[in-house]
Amino acid sequence: MKKTLLIAFISLCFSQEGITQNLVPNPSFEDYTFCPNNYYMLPNDWYTCSADPDYFNDCDTSNSFGVPYNGFGFQQADEGRGYCGFFALVLYYGTDTIYKEYLGCMLENSLIRIKRKS
């Protein structure tokens, strides 16, 4: 329920009169050069911004980086055969150490500011 509301909210924020355009290349992580079998592997068009986000795809038969079973547990892909995972923020107990990882991509077009009607 929360996920659906969040997606609906994001869609409303970024739409202009109900029209949206996907500027993210390879949005469902389906295009890849190598089937993930180790850390530091990401699908085409995506790169590491911090630490080591992980790529999971059902082409991996070892179940270390597979879908739906992998080294982190069980998770179906929302769409297609793959997904990426990352730690948004981890605070190590008893220390000031903060660990976070994320990934990014170059948008297919520049963002354009649209003035809303008053």
Protein backbone atom coordinates (compact mmCIF):
# COMPACT_ATOMS: atom_id res chain seq x y z
CA MET A 1 0.00 0.00 0.00
CA LYS A 2 2.76 2.48 0.96
CA LYS A 3 4.73 1.63 -2.19
CA THR A 4 1.67 2.27 -4.37
CA LEU A 5 1.00 5.62 -2.71
CA LEU A 6 4.64 6.66 -3.10
CA ILE A 7 4.64 5.78 -6.80
CA ALA A 8 1.37 7.67 -7.32
CA PHE A 9 2.76 10.71 -5.47
CA ILE A 10 5.98 10.73 -7.51
CA SER A 11 4.00 10.36 -10.74
CA LEU A 12 1.81 13.34 -9.85
CA CYS A 13 4.80 15.49 -8.89
CA PHE A 14 6.63 14.90 -12.14
CA SER A 15 3.72 14.90 -14.58
CA GLN A 16 2.44 17.86 -16.54
CA GLU A 17 -1.27 17.45 -17.13
CA GLY A 18 -0.92 13.67 -16.87
CA ILE A 19 1.85 13.43 -19.50
CA THR A 20 5.13 11.86 -18.42
CA GLN A 21 8.27 10.77 -20.22
CA ASN A 22 10.80 8.22 -19.02
CA LEU A 23 14.27 9.74 -19.23
CA VAL A 24 16.04 6.83 -17.54
CA PRO A 25 17.85 4.41 -19.84
CA ASN A 26 17.40 0.71 -19.08
CA PRO A 27 14.83 1.47 -16.33
CA SER A 28 14.05 -2.15 -15.45
CA PHE A 29 17.71 -3.29 -15.61
CA GLU A 30 17.09 -5.76 -18.45
CA ASP A 31 20.08 -4.81 -20.64
CA TYR A 32 23.36 -6.21 -19.37
CA THR A 33 26.71 -7.27 -20.78
CA PHE A 34 27.47 -10.00 -18.25
CA CYS A 35 25.15 -11.99 -16.02
CA PRO A 36 25.88 -10.86 -12.44
CA ASN A 37 28.10 -13.33 -10.61
CA ASN A 38 30.02 -11.01 -8.33
CA TYR A 39 29.87 -7.66 -6.54
CA TYR A 40 30.63 -4.46 -8.48
CA MET A 41 28.62 -5.61 -11.52
CA LEU A 42 25.83 -3.35 -12.79
CA PRO A 43 23.57 -3.46 -15.85
CA ASN A 44 24.24 -1.36 -18.95
CA ASP A 45 23.90 2.43 -18.58
CA TRP A 46 24.20 2.33 -14.77
CA TYR A 47 27.26 3.14 -12.68
CA THR A 48 28.34 3.19 -9.06
CA CYS A 49 28.06 6.53 -7.28
CA SER A 50 29.09 5.29 -3.85
CA ALA A 51 30.36 1.96 -2.47
CA ASP A 52 29.06 -1.16 -4.26
CA PRO A 53 25.36 -1.44 -5.15
CA ASP A 54 24.43 -4.90 -6.40
CA TYR A 55 22.77 -6.19 -9.56
CA PHE A 56 20.48 -9.22 -9.44
CA ASN A 57 19.10 -11.11 -12.45
CA ASP A 58 17.46 -14.50 -12.93
CA CYS A 59 20.22 -15.47 -15.40
CA ASP A 60 22.45 -16.21 -12.35
CA THR A 61 21.94 -19.89 -11.52
CA SER A 62 24.18 -19.89 -8.44
CA ASN A 63 21.50 -17.98 -6.48
CA SER A 64 24.17 -15.59 -5.17
CA PHE A 65 22.89 -12.79 -7.42
CA GLY A 66 19.76 -14.46 -8.78
CA VAL A 67 16.09 -13.53 -8.83
CA PRO A 68 14.02 -14.25 -6.80
CA TYR A 69 16.51 -16.06 -4.52
CA ASN A 70 19.93 -14.51 -3.81
CA GLY A 71 22.48 -13.98 -1.06
CA PHE A 72 20.28 -11.35 0.57
CA GLY A 73 17.06 -13.39 0.65
CA PHE A 74 14.00 -13.52 -1.61
CA GLN A 75 12.68 -10.73 -3.82
CA GLN A 76 10.76 -10.92 -7.09
CA ALA A 77 11.64 -8.39 -9.78
CA ASP A 78 8.91 -5.75 -10.03
CA GLU A 79 9.15 -5.77 -13.80
CA GLY A 80 11.25 -8.01 -16.03
CA ARG A 81 14.03 -10.30 -14.79
CA GLY A 82 16.38 -8.05 -12.83
CA TYR A 83 16.78 -5.36 -10.20
CA CYS A 84 19.47 -3.49 -8.29
CA GLY A 85 19.85 -3.33 -4.54
CA PHE A 86 21.75 -1.00 -2.25
CA PHE A 87 22.07 0.13 1.35
CA ALA A 88 20.61 3.62 1.60
CA LEU A 89 22.16 4.22 5.03
CA VAL A 90 23.76 1.96 7.62
CA LEU A 91 24.98 3.26 10.96
CA TYR A 92 27.40 0.84 12.60
CA TYR A 93 26.40 0.31 16.23
CA GLY A 94 28.79 1.91 18.71
CA THR A 95 30.73 3.88 16.11
CA ASP A 96 30.37 7.03 14.06
CA THR A 97 30.82 5.04 10.84
CA ILE A 98 28.17 5.64 8.21
CA TYR A 99 27.93 3.38 5.18
CA LYS A 100 25.76 4.13 2.19
CA GLU A 101 25.75 3.03 -1.42
CA TYR A 102 23.80 4.12 -4.45
CA LEU A 103 23.86 3.99 -8.22
CA GLY A 104 23.10 6.42 -10.99
CA CYS A 105 22.73 6.88 -14.73
CA MET A 106 22.87 9.64 -17.30
CA LEU A 107 19.40 10.80 -18.32
CA GLU A 108 18.52 10.44 -21.99
CA ASN A 109 17.53 14.13 -22.20
CA SER A 110 17.96 17.19 -20.04
CA LEU A 111 15.30 18.08 -17.52
CA ILE A 112 13.18 21.03 -18.58
CA ARG A 113 11.48 23.30 -16.06
CA ILE A 114 7.80 23.76 -16.82
CA LYS A 115 5.92 26.63 -15.24
CA ARG A 116 2.64 25.51 -13.74
CA LYS A 117 -0.55 27.38 -14.40
CA SER A 118 -1.69 29.47 -11.44
